[in-house]
């Protein structure tokens, strides 16, 4: 199941603003750019480059997994942030549990 629409960043201008003004976290599987806002919840964009995999099936599979991890762990994620998750190529080889552990660990550092 995908993230509800209100939890997603929409529009190129919002994402560009995060890249220009936001802070940066880097891990083995993800690069995370985030910017503080005045919203009651955090909003997300998930970016998976063609460099990660040429196959759209694999990119979409990772996107769905990351989206589901975010949806199920909203209580852990601090509200009031716009977050862009950039998935690295090492994430292709990880199972769901490995992705979840890495993503929750990184998202708990925000704030």
PDB file of N, CA and C in Angstrom:
ATOM      1  N   UNK A   1       0.837  -1.174   0.000  1.00  0.00           N
ATOM      2  CA  UNK A   1       0.000   0.000   0.000  1.00  0.00           C
ATOM      3  C   UNK A   1       0.888   1.245   0.000  1.00  0.00           C
ATOM      4  N   UNK A   2       0.539   2.210  -0.781  1.00  0.00           N
ATOM      5  CA  UNK A   2       1.337   3.436  -0.909  1.00  0.00           C
ATOM      6  C   UNK A   2       1.060   4.380   0.258  1.00  0.00           C
ATOM      7  N   UNK A   3       1.951   5.335   0.403  1.00  0.00           N
ATOM      8  CA  UNK A   3       1.741   6.379   1.409  1.00  0.00           C
ATOM      9  C   UNK A   3       0.497   7.183   1.053  1.00  0.00           C
ATOM     10  N   UNK A   4      -0.284   7.589   2.040  1.00  0.00           N
ATOM     11  CA  UNK A   4      -1.409   8.482   1.742  1.00  0.00           C
ATOM     12  C   UNK A   4      -0.910   9.776   1.107  1.00  0.00           C
ATOM     13  N   UNK A   5      -1.731  10.389   0.291  1.00  0.00           N
ATOM     14  CA  UNK A   5      -1.338  11.565  -0.476  1.00  0.00           C
ATOM     15  C   UNK A   5      -0.823  12.704   0.403  1.00  0.00           C
ATOM     16  N   UNK A   6      -1.407  12.895   1.580  1.00  0.00           N
ATOM     17  CA  UNK A   6      -0.971  14.007   2.426  1.00  0.00           C
ATOM     18  C   UNK A   6       0.440  13.800   2.990  1.00  0.00           C
ATOM     19  N   UNK A   7       0.938  12.565   2.974  1.00  0.00           N
ATOM     20  CA  UNK A   7       2.291  12.275   3.452  1.00  0.00           C
ATOM     21  C   UNK A   7       3.339  12.315   2.337  1.00  0.00           C
ATOM     22  N   UNK A   8       2.921  12.641   1.118  1.00  0.00           N
ATOM     23  CA  UNK A   8       3.844  12.682  -0.012  1.00  0.00           C
ATOM     24  C   UNK A   8       4.149  14.118  -0.411  1.00  0.00           C
ATOM     25  N   UNK A   9       5.387  14.361  -0.788  1.00  0.00           N
ATOM     26  CA  UNK A   9       5.757  15.653  -1.365  1.00  0.00           C
ATOM     27  C   UNK A   9       5.319  15.657  -2.817  1.00  0.00           C
ATOM     28  N   UNK A  10       4.745  16.755  -3.232  1.00  0.00           N
ATOM     29  CA  UNK A  10       4.328  16.837  -4.622  1.00  0.00           C
ATOM     30  C   UNK A  10       4.917  18.098  -5.228  1.00  0.00           C
ATOM     31  N   UNK A  11       5.398  17.975  -6.400  1.00  0.00           N
ATOM     32  CA  UNK A  11       5.932  19.138  -7.097  1.00  0.00           C
ATOM     33  C   UNK A  11       7.437  19.233  -7.022  1.00  0.00           C
ATOM     34  N   UNK A  12       7.985  19.578  -8.132  1.00  0.00           N
ATOM     35  CA  UNK A  12       9.422  19.709  -8.268  1.00  0.00           C
ATOM     36  C   UNK A  12       9.967  20.846  -7.409  1.00  0.00           C
ATOM     37  N   UNK A  13       9.187  21.914  -7.254  1.00  0.00           N
ATOM     38  CA  UNK A  13       9.662  23.081  -6.501  1.00  0.00           C
ATOM     39  C   UNK A  13       9.888  22.754  -5.025  1.00  0.00           C
ATOM     40  N   UNK A  14       9.032  21.920  -4.418  1.00  0.00           N
ATOM     41  CA  UNK A  14       9.219  21.527  -3.018  1.00  0.00           C
ATOM     42  C   UNK A  14      10.495  20.716  -2.837  1.00  0.00           C
ATOM     43  N   UNK A  15      10.724  19.807  -3.751  1.00  0.00           N
ATOM     44  CA  UNK A  15      11.920  18.960  -3.662  1.00  0.00           C
ATOM     45  C   UNK A  15      13.180  19.785  -3.891  1.00  0.00           C
ATOM     46  N   UNK A  16      13.144  20.710  -4.844  1.00  0.00           N
ATOM     47  CA  UNK A  16      14.303  21.571  -5.092  1.00  0.00           C
ATOM     48  C   UNK A  16      14.616  22.436  -3.880  1.00  0.00           C
ATOM     49  N   UNK A  17      13.587  22.918  -3.191  1.00  0.00           N
ATOM     50  CA  UNK A  17      13.800  23.724  -1.992  1.00  0.00           C
ATOM     51  C   UNK A  17      14.513  22.922  -0.903  1.00  0.00           C
ATOM     52  N   UNK A  18      14.135  21.659  -0.758  1.00  0.00           N
ATOM     53  CA  UNK A  18      14.784  20.793   0.231  1.00  0.00           C
ATOM     54  C   UNK A  18      16.250  20.586  -0.135  1.00  0.00           C
ATOM     55  N   UNK A  19      16.544  20.395  -1.416  1.00  0.00           N
ATOM     56  CA  UNK A  19      17.924  20.206  -1.837  1.00  0.00           C
ATOM     57  C   UNK A  19      18.757  21.464  -1.617  1.00  0.00           C
ATOM     58  N   UNK A  20      18.152  22.643  -1.758  1.00  0.00           N
ATOM     59  CA  UNK A  20      18.890  23.889  -1.582  1.00  0.00           C
ATOM     60  C   UNK A  20      19.083  24.263  -0.117  1.00  0.00           C
ATOM     61  N   UNK A  21      18.031  24.126   0.700  1.00  0.00           N
ATOM     62  CA  UNK A  21      18.047  24.641   2.060  1.00  0.00           C
ATOM     63  C   UNK A  21      18.160  23.572   3.134  1.00  0.00           C
ATOM     64  N   UNK A  22      17.965  22.313   2.774  1.00  0.00           N
ATOM     65  CA  UNK A  22      17.866  21.255   3.765  1.00  0.00           C
ATOM     66  C   UNK A  22      19.185  20.746   4.294  1.00  0.00           C
ATOM     67  N   UNK A  23      19.080  19.943   5.346  1.00  0.00           N
ATOM     68  CA  UNK A  23      20.232  19.266   5.941  1.00  0.00           C
ATOM     69  C   UNK A  23      20.344  17.876   5.329  1.00  0.00           C
ATOM     70  N   UNK A  24      21.477  17.200   5.617  1.00  0.00           N
ATOM     71  CA  UNK A  24      21.825  15.989   4.899  1.00  0.00           C
ATOM     72  C   UNK A  24      22.271  14.900   5.865  1.00  0.00           C
ATOM     73  N   UNK A  25      21.759  13.686   5.669  1.00  0.00           N
ATOM     74  CA  UNK A  25      22.239  12.490   6.362  1.00  0.00           C
ATOM     75  C   UNK A  25      22.634  11.465   5.314  1.00  0.00           C
ATOM     76  N   UNK A  26      23.677  10.718   5.605  1.00  0.00           N
ATOM     77  CA  UNK A  26      24.153   9.729   4.653  1.00  0.00           C
ATOM     78  C   UNK A  26      24.355   8.401   5.365  1.00  0.00           C
ATOM     79  N   UNK A  27      23.890   7.313   4.753  1.00  0.00           N
ATOM     80  CA  UNK A  27      24.108   5.981   5.300  1.00  0.00           C
ATOM     81  C   UNK A  27      24.482   5.032   4.165  1.00  0.00           C
ATOM     82  N   UNK A  28      24.602   3.773   4.493  1.00  0.00           N
ATOM     83  CA  UNK A  28      24.999   2.780   3.504  1.00  0.00           C
ATOM     84  C   UNK A  28      23.939   2.605   2.410  1.00  0.00           C
ATOM     85  N   UNK A  29      22.667   2.651   2.791  1.00  0.00           N
ATOM     86  CA  UNK A  29      21.589   2.378   1.843  1.00  0.00           C
ATOM     87  C   UNK A  29      20.841   3.615   1.364  1.00  0.00           C
ATOM     88  N   UNK A  30      20.906   4.717   2.142  1.00  0.00           N
ATOM     89  CA  UNK A  30      20.109   5.898   1.825  1.00  0.00           C
ATOM     90  C   UNK A  30      20.911   7.178   2.002  1.00  0.00           C
ATOM     91  N   UNK A  31      20.574   8.166   1.202  1.00  0.00           N
ATOM     92  CA  UNK A  31      20.962   9.551   1.448  1.00  0.00           C
ATOM     93  C   UNK A  31      19.659  10.272   1.758  1.00  0.00           C
ATOM     94  N   UNK A  32      19.659  11.058   2.803  1.00  0.00           N
ATOM     95  CA  UNK A  32      18.425  11.705   3.243  1.00  0.00           C
ATOM     96  C   UNK A  32      18.648  13.203   3.326  1.00  0.00           C
ATOM     97  N   UNK A  33      17.805  13.951   2.619  1.00  0.00           N
ATOM     98  CA  UNK A  33      17.780  15.408   2.721  1.00  0.00           C
ATOM     99  C   UNK A  33      16.489  15.770   3.436  1.00  0.00           C
ATOM    100  N   UNK A  34      16.559  16.684   4.414  1.00  0.00           N
ATOM    101  CA  UNK A  34      15.357  17.050   5.136  1.00  0.00           C
ATOM    102  C   UNK A  34      15.360  18.524   5.496  1.00  0.00           C
ATOM    103  N   UNK A  35      14.150  19.056   5.634  1.00  0.00           N
ATOM    104  CA  UNK A  35      13.950  20.464   5.928  1.00  0.00           C
ATOM    105  C   UNK A  35      12.797  20.587   6.908  1.00  0.00           C
ATOM    106  N   UNK A  36      12.984  21.367   7.958  1.00  0.00           N
ATOM    107  CA  UNK A  36      11.957  21.566   8.968  1.00  0.00           C
ATOM    108  C   UNK A  36      10.822  22.436   8.411  1.00  0.00           C
ATOM    109  N   UNK A  37       9.574  22.067   8.750  1.00  0.00           N
ATOM    110  CA  UNK A  37       8.396  22.822   8.333  1.00  0.00           C
ATOM    111  C   UNK A  37       7.453  22.975   9.522  1.00  0.00           C
ATOM    112  N   UNK A  38       6.315  23.599   9.302  1.00  0.00           N
ATOM    113  CA  UNK A  38       5.337  23.798  10.362  1.00  0.00           C
ATOM    114  C   UNK A  38       4.131  22.878  10.211  1.00  0.00           C
ATOM    115  N   UNK A  39       4.292  21.733   9.588  1.00  0.00           N
ATOM    116  CA  UNK A  39       3.175  20.812   9.395  1.00  0.00           C
ATOM    117  C   UNK A  39       3.028  19.883  10.603  1.00  0.00           C
ATOM    118  N   UNK A  40       1.871  19.247  10.718  1.00  0.00           N
ATOM    119  CA  UNK A  40       1.599  18.345  11.842  1.00  0.00           C
ATOM    120  C   UNK A  40       2.171  16.948  11.620  1.00  0.00           C
ATOM    121  N   UNK A  41       2.678  16.684  10.431  1.00  0.00           N
ATOM    122  CA  UNK A  41       3.258  15.383  10.116  1.00  0.00           C
ATOM    123  C   UNK A  41       4.387  15.591   9.118  1.00  0.00           C
ATOM    124  N   UNK A  42       5.202  14.581   8.942  1.00  0.00           N
ATOM    125  CA  UNK A  42       6.307  14.656   7.986  1.00  0.00           C
ATOM    126  C   UNK A  42       5.837  14.176   6.619  1.00  0.00           C
ATOM    127  N   UNK A  43       6.391  14.785   5.575  1.00  0.00           N
ATOM    128  CA  UNK A  43       6.053  14.413   4.200  1.00  0.00           C
ATOM    129  C   UNK A  43       7.315  13.897   3.510  1.00  0.00           C
ATOM    130  N   UNK A  44       7.129  12.980   2.559  1.00  0.00           N
ATOM    131  CA  UNK A  44       8.245  12.255   1.965  1.00  0.00           C
ATOM    132  C   UNK A  44       8.213  12.267   0.442  1.00  0.00           C
ATOM    133  N   UNK A  45       9.412  12.182  -0.136  1.00  0.00           N
ATOM    134  CA  UNK A  45       9.605  11.879  -1.553  1.00  0.00           C
ATOM    135  C   UNK A  45      10.674  10.788  -1.607  1.00  0.00           C
ATOM    136  N   UNK A  46      10.465   9.802  -2.441  1.00  0.00           N
ATOM    137  CA  UNK A  46      11.406   8.694  -2.576  1.00  0.00           C
ATOM    138  C   UNK A  46      11.975   8.747  -3.980  1.00  0.00           C
ATOM    139  N   UNK A  47      13.306   8.851  -4.069  1.00  0.00           N
ATOM    140  CA  UNK A  47      13.976   8.950  -5.367  1.00  0.00           C
ATOM    141  C   UNK A  47      14.862   7.732  -5.559  1.00  0.00           C
ATOM    142  N   UNK A  48      14.649   7.041  -6.681  1.00  0.00           N
ATOM    143  CA  UNK A  48      15.484   5.892  -7.038  1.00  0.00           C
ATOM    144  C   UNK A  48      15.947   6.107  -8.467  1.00  0.00           C
ATOM    145  N   UNK A  49      17.226   6.290  -8.636  1.00  0.00           N
ATOM    146  CA  UNK A  49      17.815   6.605  -9.929  1.00  0.00           C
ATOM    147  C   UNK A  49      17.882   5.382 -10.842  1.00  0.00           C
ATOM    148  N   UNK A  50      17.989   5.652 -12.123  1.00  0.00           N
ATOM    149  CA  UNK A  50      18.235   4.573 -13.088  1.00  0.00           C
ATOM    150  C   UNK A  50      19.583   3.901 -12.834  1.00  0.00           C
ATOM    151  N   UNK A  51      20.496   4.601 -12.174  1.00  0.00           N
ATOM    152  CA  UNK A  51      21.795   4.018 -11.845  1.00  0.00           C
ATOM    153  C   UNK A  51      21.652   2.877 -10.838  1.00  0.00           C
ATOM    154  N   UNK A  52      20.611   2.915 -10.031  1.00  0.00           N
ATOM    155  CA  UNK A  52      20.367   1.851  -9.056  1.00  0.00           C
ATOM    156  C   UNK A  52      20.010   0.564  -9.788  1.00  0.00           C
ATOM    157  N   UNK A  53      19.085   0.659 -10.732  1.00  0.00           N
ATOM    158  CA  UNK A  53      18.713  -0.484 -11.558  1.00  0.00           C
ATOM    159  C   UNK A  53      18.051   0.037 -12.824  1.00  0.00           C
ATOM    160  N   UNK A  54      18.376  -0.582 -13.933  1.00  0.00           N
ATOM    161  CA  UNK A  54      17.738  -0.208 -15.192  1.00  0.00           C
ATOM    162  C   UNK A  54      16.315  -0.745 -15.260  1.00  0.00           C
ATOM    163  N   UNK A  55      16.016  -1.738 -14.421  1.00  0.00           N
ATOM    164  CA  UNK A  55      14.708  -2.390 -14.460  1.00  0.00           C
ATOM    165  C   UNK A  55      13.722  -1.647 -13.562  1.00  0.00           C
ATOM    166  N   UNK A  56      12.657  -1.155 -14.175  1.00  0.00           N
ATOM    167  CA  UNK A  56      11.654  -0.408 -13.411  1.00  0.00           C
ATOM    168  C   UNK A  56      10.956  -1.300 -12.383  1.00  0.00           C
ATOM    169  N   UNK A  57      10.889  -2.588 -12.645  1.00  0.00           N
ATOM    170  CA  UNK A  57      10.269  -3.517 -11.701  1.00  0.00           C
ATOM    171  C   UNK A  57      11.019  -3.501 -10.368  1.00  0.00           C
ATOM    172  N   UNK A  58      12.343  -3.535 -10.428  1.00  0.00           N
ATOM    173  CA  UNK A  58      13.150  -3.519  -9.202  1.00  0.00           C
ATOM    174  C   UNK A  58      13.066  -2.167  -8.501  1.00  0.00           C
ATOM    175  N   UNK A  59      13.119  -1.079  -9.269  1.00  0.00           N
ATOM    176  CA  UNK A  59      13.017   0.257  -8.657  1.00  0.00           C
ATOM    177  C   UNK A  59      11.677   0.432  -7.959  1.00  0.00           C
ATOM    178  N   UNK A  60      10.603   0.004  -8.599  1.00  0.00           N
ATOM    179  CA  UNK A  60       9.270   0.126  -8.003  1.00  0.00           C
ATOM    180  C   UNK A  60       9.107  -0.777  -6.783  1.00  0.00           C
ATOM    181  N   UNK A  61       9.735  -1.935  -6.810  1.00  0.00           N
ATOM    182  CA  UNK A  61       9.681  -2.851  -5.665  1.00  0.00           C
ATOM    183  C   UNK A  61      10.325  -2.190  -4.442  1.00  0.00           C
ATOM    184  N   UNK A  62      11.491  -1.588  -4.630  1.00  0.00           N
ATOM    185  CA  UNK A  62      12.165  -0.895  -3.533  1.00  0.00           C
ATOM    186  C   UNK A  62      11.329   0.300  -3.078  1.00  0.00           C
ATOM    187  N   UNK A  63      10.770   1.047  -4.014  1.00  0.00           N
ATOM    188  CA  UNK A  63       9.933   2.208  -3.667  1.00  0.00           C
ATOM    189  C   UNK A  63       8.723   1.775  -2.829  1.00  0.00           C
ATOM    190  N   UNK A  64       8.087   0.680  -3.206  1.00  0.00           N
ATOM    191  CA  UNK A  64       6.936   0.180  -2.445  1.00  0.00           C
ATOM    192  C   UNK A  64       7.350  -0.262  -1.046  1.00  0.00           C
ATOM    193  N   UNK A  65       8.487  -0.915  -0.935  1.00  0.00           N
ATOM    194  CA  UNK A  65       8.969  -1.362   0.374  1.00  0.00           C
ATOM    195  C   UNK A  65       9.281  -0.177   1.282  1.00  0.00           C
ATOM    196  N   UNK A  66       9.988   0.806   0.757  1.00  0.00           N
ATOM    197  CA  UNK A  66      10.339   1.989   1.542  1.00  0.00           C
ATOM    198  C   UNK A  66       9.077   2.733   1.953  1.00  0.00           C
ATOM    199  N   UNK A  67       8.141   2.856   1.047  1.00  0.00           N
ATOM    200  CA  UNK A  67       6.873   3.528   1.335  1.00  0.00           C
ATOM    201  C   UNK A  67       6.121   2.812   2.456  1.00  0.00           C
ATOM    202  N   UNK A  68       6.097   1.507   2.420  1.00  0.00           N
ATOM    203  CA  UNK A  68       5.408   0.725   3.442  1.00  0.00           C
ATOM    204  C   UNK A  68       6.098   0.855   4.800  1.00  0.00           C
ATOM    205  N   UNK A  69       7.415   0.869   4.811  1.00  0.00           N
ATOM    206  CA  UNK A  69       8.164   1.051   6.060  1.00  0.00           C
ATOM    207  C   UNK A  69       7.820   2.401   6.680  1.00  0.00           C
ATOM    208  N   UNK A  70       7.768   3.433   5.865  1.00  0.00           N
ATOM    209  CA  UNK A  70       7.422   4.773   6.352  1.00  0.00           C
ATOM    210  C   UNK A  70       5.994   4.776   6.893  1.00  0.00           C
ATOM    211  N   UNK A  71       5.068   4.187   6.154  1.00  0.00           N
ATOM    212  CA  UNK A  71       3.665   4.179   6.567  1.00  0.00           C
ATOM    213  C   UNK A  71       3.464   3.481   7.905  1.00  0.00           C
ATOM    214  N   UNK A  72       4.147   2.362   8.104  1.00  0.00           N
ATOM    215  CA  UNK A  72       3.980   1.589   9.335  1.00  0.00           C
ATOM    216  C   UNK A  72       4.714   2.190  10.526  1.00  0.00           C
ATOM    217  N   UNK A  73       5.676   3.067  10.276  1.00  0.00           N
ATOM    218  CA  UNK A  73       6.483   3.626  11.364  1.00  0.00           C
ATOM    219  C   UNK A  73       6.289   5.126  11.529  1.00  0.00           C
ATOM    220  N   UNK A  74       5.118   5.641  11.224  1.00  0.00           N
ATOM    221  CA  UNK A  74       4.848   7.064  11.372  1.00  0.00           C
ATOM    222  C   UNK A  74       5.015   7.536  12.816  1.00  0.00           C
ATOM    223  N   UNK A  75       4.765   6.669  13.785  1.00  0.00           N
ATOM    224  CA  UNK A  75       4.867   7.075  15.187  1.00  0.00           C
ATOM    225  C   UNK A  75       6.317   7.352  15.598  1.00  0.00           C
ATOM    226  N   UNK A  76       7.276   6.736  14.944  1.00  0.00           N
ATOM    227  CA  UNK A  76       8.695   6.932  15.256  1.00  0.00           C
ATOM    228  C   UNK A  76       9.220   8.216  14.624  1.00  0.00           C
ATOM    229  N   UNK A  77       8.682   8.573  13.472  1.00  0.00           N
ATOM    230  CA  UNK A  77       9.180   9.707  12.697  1.00  0.00           C
ATOM    231  C   UNK A  77       8.664  11.004  13.299  1.00  0.00           C
ATOM    232  N   UNK A  78       9.576  11.928  13.568  1.00  0.00           N
ATOM    233  CA  UNK A  78       9.199  13.206  14.154  1.00  0.00           C
ATOM    234  C   UNK A  78       8.382  14.019  13.157  1.00  0.00           C
ATOM    235  N   UNK A  79       7.291  14.652  13.623  1.00  0.00           N
ATOM    236  CA  UNK A  79       6.465  15.453  12.715  1.00  0.00           C
ATOM    237  C   UNK A  79       7.124  16.786  12.390  1.00  0.00           C
ATOM    238  N   UNK A  80       6.705  17.370  11.275  1.00  0.00           N
ATOM    239  CA  UNK A  80       7.163  18.705  10.917  1.00  0.00           C
ATOM    240  C   UNK A  80       8.391  18.746  10.038  1.00  0.00           C
ATOM    241  N   UNK A  81       8.599  17.734   9.213  1.00  0.00           N
ATOM    242  CA  UNK A  81       9.745  17.704   8.305  1.00  0.00           C
ATOM    243  C   UNK A  81       9.302  17.320   6.911  1.00  0.00           C
ATOM    244  N   UNK A  82       9.951  17.894   5.923  1.00  0.00           N
ATOM    245  CA  UNK A  82       9.861  17.432   4.544  1.00  0.00           C
ATOM    246  C   UNK A  82      11.132  16.647   4.279  1.00  0.00           C
ATOM    247  N   UNK A  83      10.986  15.403   3.846  1.00  0.00           N
ATOM    248  CA  UNK A  83      12.118  14.491   3.740  1.00  0.00           C
ATOM    249  C   UNK A  83      12.191  13.912   2.331  1.00  0.00           C
ATOM    250  N   UNK A  84      13.392  13.946   1.747  1.00  0.00           N
ATOM    251  CA  UNK A  84      13.645  13.306   0.463  1.00  0.00           C
ATOM    252  C   UNK A  84      14.595  12.140   0.710  1.00  0.00           C
ATOM    253  N   UNK A  85      14.145  10.931   0.397  1.00  0.00           N
ATOM    254  CA  UNK A  85      14.958   9.728   0.535  1.00  0.00           C
ATOM    255  C   UNK A  85      15.532   9.368  -0.827  1.00  0.00           C
ATOM    256  N   UNK A  86      16.841   9.308  -0.897  1.00  0.00           N
ATOM    257  CA  UNK A  86      17.512   8.898  -2.129  1.00  0.00           C
ATOM    258  C   UNK A  86      18.075   7.505  -1.871  1.00  0.00           C
ATOM    259  N   UNK A  87      17.560   6.540  -2.599  1.00  0.00           N
ATOM    260  CA  UNK A  87      17.937   5.146  -2.386  1.00  0.00           C
ATOM    261  C   UNK A  87      19.209   4.850  -3.167  1.00  0.00           C
ATOM    262  N   UNK A  88      20.162   4.211  -2.498  1.00  0.00           N
ATOM    263  CA  UNK A  88      21.430   3.838  -3.141  1.00  0.00           C
ATOM    264  C   UNK A  88      21.339   2.422  -3.710  1.00  0.00           C
ATOM    265  N   UNK A  89      22.285   2.077  -4.559  1.00  0.00           N
ATOM    266  CA  UNK A  89      22.239   0.798  -5.275  1.00  0.00           C
ATOM    267  C   UNK A  89      22.388  -0.416  -4.351  1.00  0.00           C
ATOM    268  N   UNK A  90      22.984  -0.250  -3.192  1.00  0.00           N
ATOM    269  CA  UNK A  90      23.126  -1.385  -2.269  1.00  0.00           C
ATOM    270  C   UNK A  90      21.783  -1.861  -1.727  1.00  0.00           C
ATOM    271  N   UNK A  91      20.762  -1.031  -1.804  1.00  0.00           N
ATOM    272  CA  UNK A  91      19.439  -1.390  -1.279  1.00  0.00           C
ATOM    273  C   UNK A  91      18.762  -2.475  -2.115  1.00  0.00           C
ATOM    274  N   UNK A  92      19.182  -2.651  -3.356  1.00  0.00           N
ATOM    275  CA  UNK A  92      18.588  -3.673  -4.230  1.00  0.00           C
ATOM    276  C   UNK A  92      18.780  -5.066  -3.636  1.00  0.00           C
ATOM    277  N   UNK A  93      19.919  -5.313  -3.016  1.00  0.00           N
ATOM    278  CA  UNK A  93      20.238  -6.645  -2.498  1.00  0.00           C
ATOM    279  C   UNK A  93      19.681  -6.913  -1.108  1.00  0.00           C
ATOM    280  N   UNK A  94      19.092  -5.918  -0.468  1.00  0.00           N
ATOM    281  CA  UNK A  94      18.602  -6.069   0.901  1.00  0.00           C
ATOM    282  C   UNK A  94      17.181  -6.614   0.936  1.00  0.00           C
ATOM    283  N   UNK A  95      16.921  -7.414   1.926  1.00  0.00           N
ATOM    284  CA  UNK A  95      15.568  -7.886   2.182  1.00  0.00           C
ATOM    285  C   UNK A  95      14.795  -6.801   2.922  1.00  0.00           C
ATOM    286  N   UNK A  96      13.499  -7.024   3.096  1.00  0.00           N
ATOM    287  CA  UNK A  96      12.626  -6.038   3.741  1.00  0.00           C
ATOM    288  C   UNK A  96      13.115  -5.705   5.154  1.00  0.00           C
ATOM    289  N   UNK A  97      13.499  -6.713   5.927  1.00  0.00           N
ATOM    290  CA  UNK A  97      13.933  -6.486   7.313  1.00  0.00           C
ATOM    291  C   UNK A  97      15.192  -5.619   7.369  1.00  0.00           C
ATOM    292  N   UNK A  98      16.116  -5.841   6.453  1.00  0.00           N
ATOM    293  CA  UNK A  98      17.335  -5.040   6.407  1.00  0.00           C
ATOM    294  C   UNK A  98      17.052  -3.596   6.032  1.00  0.00           C
ATOM    295  N   UNK A  99      16.155  -3.395   5.061  1.00  0.00           N
ATOM    296  CA  UNK A  99      15.754  -2.041   4.673  1.00  0.00           C
ATOM    297  C   UNK A  99      15.073  -1.328   5.837  1.00  0.00           C
ATOM    298  N   UNK A 100      14.187  -2.048   6.514  1.00  0.00           N
ATOM    299  CA  UNK A 100      13.445  -1.456   7.628  1.00  0.00           C
ATOM    300  C   UNK A 100      14.393  -1.014   8.732  1.00  0.00           C
ATOM    301  N   UNK A 101      15.314  -1.885   9.112  1.00  0.00           N
ATOM    302  CA  UNK A 101      16.259  -1.565  10.181  1.00  0.00           C
ATOM    303  C   UNK A 101      17.088  -0.328   9.832  1.00  0.00           C
ATOM    304  N   UNK A 102      17.613  -0.275   8.619  1.00  0.00           N
ATOM    305  CA  UNK A 102      18.446   0.852   8.203  1.00  0.00           C
ATOM    306  C   UNK A 102      17.651   2.150   8.114  1.00  0.00           C
ATOM    307  N   UNK A 103      16.442   2.082   7.557  1.00  0.00           N
ATOM    308  CA  UNK A 103      15.641   3.295   7.365  1.00  0.00           C
ATOM    309  C   UNK A 103      15.143   3.857   8.695  1.00  0.00           C
ATOM    310  N   UNK A 104      14.656   2.985   9.572  1.00  0.00           N
ATOM    311  CA  UNK A 104      14.170   3.449  10.883  1.00  0.00           C
ATOM    312  C   UNK A 104      15.315   4.060  11.684  1.00  0.00           C
ATOM    313  N   UNK A 105      16.484   3.468  11.604  1.00  0.00           N
ATOM    314  CA  UNK A 105      17.657   3.993  12.304  1.00  0.00           C
ATOM    315  C   UNK A 105      17.992   5.409  11.808  1.00  0.00           C
ATOM    316  N   UNK A 106      17.988   5.601  10.500  1.00  0.00           N
ATOM    317  CA  UNK A 106      18.325   6.906   9.941  1.00  0.00           C
ATOM    318  C   UNK A 106      17.235   7.951  10.204  1.00  0.00           C
ATOM    319  N   UNK A 107      15.968   7.541  10.087  1.00  0.00           N
ATOM    320  CA  UNK A 107      14.884   8.499  10.304  1.00  0.00           C
ATOM    321  C   UNK A 107      14.788   8.927  11.771  1.00  0.00           C
ATOM    322  N   UNK A 108      15.228   8.058  12.682  1.00  0.00           N
ATOM    323  CA  UNK A 108      15.203   8.443  14.099  1.00  0.00           C
ATOM    324  C   UNK A 108      16.262   9.498  14.428  1.00  0.00           C
ATOM    325  N   UNK A 109      17.257   9.661  13.568  1.00  0.00           N
ATOM    326  CA  UNK A 109      18.304  10.664  13.774  1.00  0.00           C
ATOM    327  C   UNK A 109      17.843  12.073  13.411  1.00  0.00           C
ATOM    328  N   UNK A 110      16.784  12.170  12.615  1.00  0.00           N
ATOM    329  CA  UNK A 110      16.302  13.476  12.163  1.00  0.00           C
ATOM    330  C   UNK A 110      15.681  14.213  13.339  1.00  0.00           C
ATOM    331  N   UNK A 111      16.049  15.462  13.468  1.00  0.00           N
ATOM    332  CA  UNK A 111      15.434  16.281  14.514  1.00  0.00           C
ATOM    333  C   UNK A 111      16.360  16.774  15.503  1.00  0.00           C
TER     334      UNK A 111
END
